[in-house]
Amino acid sequence: MKWTFETRGAVPAELHGGGRFVLPRRKFVPAYVRAFEEGLLHERAKHAVDSLRSCRVCPRDCQIDRFNN
C-alpha cells in the first residue's frame, strides 16, 4: 500500500524543506522569550517552584517538600 498525503498544501511553509524545520532566524522567537514578553514567564516560574513544595515532579509522586531537606 502506498501512502499519500493530499493535505500537503495545508502544512505551513516553514515545515517544508526536505524534512528539516526551516524558519528564518530573524522570524524565530523562543517560547520562553515570547512568554516573558507576554508577562507569563514569571507566573510559570512561580507555579513551577510552588509545585516542589508538594513534589509530584517524578513518577514516584511522593509529595515530599523539596524545600525542607
C-alpha atoms as a PDB file:
ATOM      1  CA  MET A   1       0.000   0.000   0.000  1.00  0.00           C
ATOM      2  CA  LYS A   2       1.359   3.412  -0.939  1.00  0.00           C
ATOM      3  CA  TRP A   3       0.647   6.285   1.452  1.00  0.00           C
ATOM      4  CA  THR A   4      -0.106   9.677   0.013  1.00  0.00           C
ATOM      5  CA  PHE A   5      -0.974  12.904   1.744  1.00  0.00           C
ATOM      6  CA  GLU A   6      -3.376  15.121  -0.097  1.00  0.00           C
ATOM      7  CA  THR A   7      -3.249  17.807   2.603  1.00  0.00           C
ATOM      8  CA  ARG A   8       0.349  18.789   1.812  1.00  0.00           C
ATOM      9  CA  GLY A   9      -0.828  22.300   0.948  1.00  0.00           C
ATOM     10  CA  ALA A  10      -2.243  22.668   4.481  1.00  0.00           C
ATOM     11  CA  VAL A  11       1.190  22.263   6.084  1.00  0.00           C
ATOM     12  CA  PRO A  12       2.823  25.610   6.952  1.00  0.00           C
ATOM     13  CA  ALA A  13       5.586  26.616   4.537  1.00  0.00           C
ATOM     14  CA  GLU A  14       8.110  26.693   7.423  1.00  0.00           C
ATOM     15  CA  LEU A  15       7.848  22.916   7.758  1.00  0.00           C
ATOM     16  CA  HIS A  16       8.794  22.174   4.159  1.00  0.00           C
ATOM     17  CA  GLY A  17      12.460  21.877   3.326  1.00  0.00           C
ATOM     18  CA  GLY A  18      13.417  18.275   2.790  1.00  0.00           C
ATOM     19  CA  GLY A  19      12.185  17.065   6.178  1.00  0.00           C
ATOM     20  CA  ARG A  20      14.026  19.807   8.080  1.00  0.00           C
ATOM     21  CA  PHE A  21      12.452  22.542  10.133  1.00  0.00           C
ATOM     22  CA  VAL A  22      13.092  25.684   8.139  1.00  0.00           C
ATOM     23  CA  LEU A  23      12.355  29.071   9.683  1.00  0.00           C
ATOM     24  CA  PRO A  24      14.487  32.154   9.123  1.00  0.00           C
ATOM     25  CA  ARG A  25      16.393  33.162  12.255  1.00  0.00           C
ATOM     26  CA  ARG A  26      15.044  36.682  12.116  1.00  0.00           C
ATOM     27  CA  LYS A  27      11.497  35.307  12.494  1.00  0.00           C
ATOM     28  CA  PHE A  28      12.273  32.739  15.200  1.00  0.00           C
ATOM     29  CA  VAL A  29      11.339  33.669  18.768  1.00  0.00           C
ATOM     30  CA  PRO A  30      11.977  31.063  21.503  1.00  0.00           C
ATOM     31  CA  ALA A  31       8.919  30.131  23.552  1.00  0.00           C
ATOM     32  CA  TYR A  32      10.475  31.401  26.797  1.00  0.00           C
ATOM     33  CA  VAL A  33      11.136  34.819  25.227  1.00  0.00           C
ATOM     34  CA  ARG A  34       7.565  35.018  23.980  1.00  0.00           C
ATOM     35  CA  ALA A  35       6.298  34.011  27.452  1.00  0.00           C
ATOM     36  CA  PHE A  36       8.450  36.750  29.017  1.00  0.00           C
ATOM     37  CA  GLU A  37       7.182  39.366  26.569  1.00  0.00           C
ATOM     38  CA  GLU A  38       3.577  38.351  27.247  1.00  0.00           C
ATOM     39  CA  GLY A  39       4.131  38.520  31.022  1.00  0.00           C
ATOM     40  CA  LEU A  40       3.604  34.778  31.523  1.00  0.00           C
ATOM     41  CA  LEU A  41       7.133  33.647  32.385  1.00  0.00           C
ATOM     42  CA  HIS A  42       7.148  34.952  35.976  1.00  0.00           C
ATOM     43  CA  GLU A  43       3.844  33.232  36.763  1.00  0.00           C
ATOM     44  CA  ARG A  44       5.005  29.951  35.186  1.00  0.00           C
ATOM     45  CA  ALA A  45       8.254  30.038  37.198  1.00  0.00           C
ATOM     46  CA  LYS A  46       6.336  30.727  40.409  1.00  0.00           C
ATOM     47  CA  HIS A  47       4.000  27.805  39.691  1.00  0.00           C
ATOM     48  CA  ALA A  48       6.977  25.506  38.983  1.00  0.00           C
ATOM     49  CA  VAL A  49       8.667  26.400  42.278  1.00  0.00           C
ATOM     50  CA  ASP A  50       5.413  26.023  44.213  1.00  0.00           C
ATOM     51  CA  SER A  51       4.949  22.558  42.733  1.00  0.00           C
ATOM     52  CA  LEU A  52       8.136  21.471  44.541  1.00  0.00           C
ATOM     53  CA  ARG A  53       6.545  22.162  47.944  1.00  0.00           C
ATOM     54  CA  SER A  54       4.408  19.059  47.443  1.00  0.00           C
ATOM     55  CA  CYS A  55       6.554  17.341  44.863  1.00  0.00           C
ATOM     56  CA  ARG A  56       4.871  15.436  42.067  1.00  0.00           C
ATOM     57  CA  VAL A  57       7.579  16.081  39.503  1.00  0.00           C
ATOM     58  CA  CYS A  58       8.777  12.497  39.047  1.00  0.00           C
ATOM     59  CA  PRO A  59       6.744   9.288  38.690  1.00  0.00           C
ATOM     60  CA  ARG A  60       7.215   8.448  42.397  1.00  0.00           C
ATOM     61  CA  ASP A  61       4.557  11.045  43.287  1.00  0.00           C
ATOM     62  CA  CYS A  62       5.941  11.193  46.861  1.00  0.00           C
ATOM     63  CA  GLN A  63       4.621  14.713  47.611  1.00  0.00           C
ATOM     64  CA  ILE A  64       7.685  15.493  49.728  1.00  0.00           C
ATOM     65  CA  ASP A  65       8.520  19.149  50.446  1.00  0.00           C
ATOM     66  CA  ARG A  66      11.722  19.740  48.453  1.00  0.00           C
ATOM     67  CA  PHE A  67      12.409  22.985  50.332  1.00  0.00           C
ATOM     68  CA  ASN A  68      12.643  21.391  53.804  1.00  0.00           C
ATOM     69  CA  ASN A  69      15.540  18.999  53.485  1.00  0.00           C
END
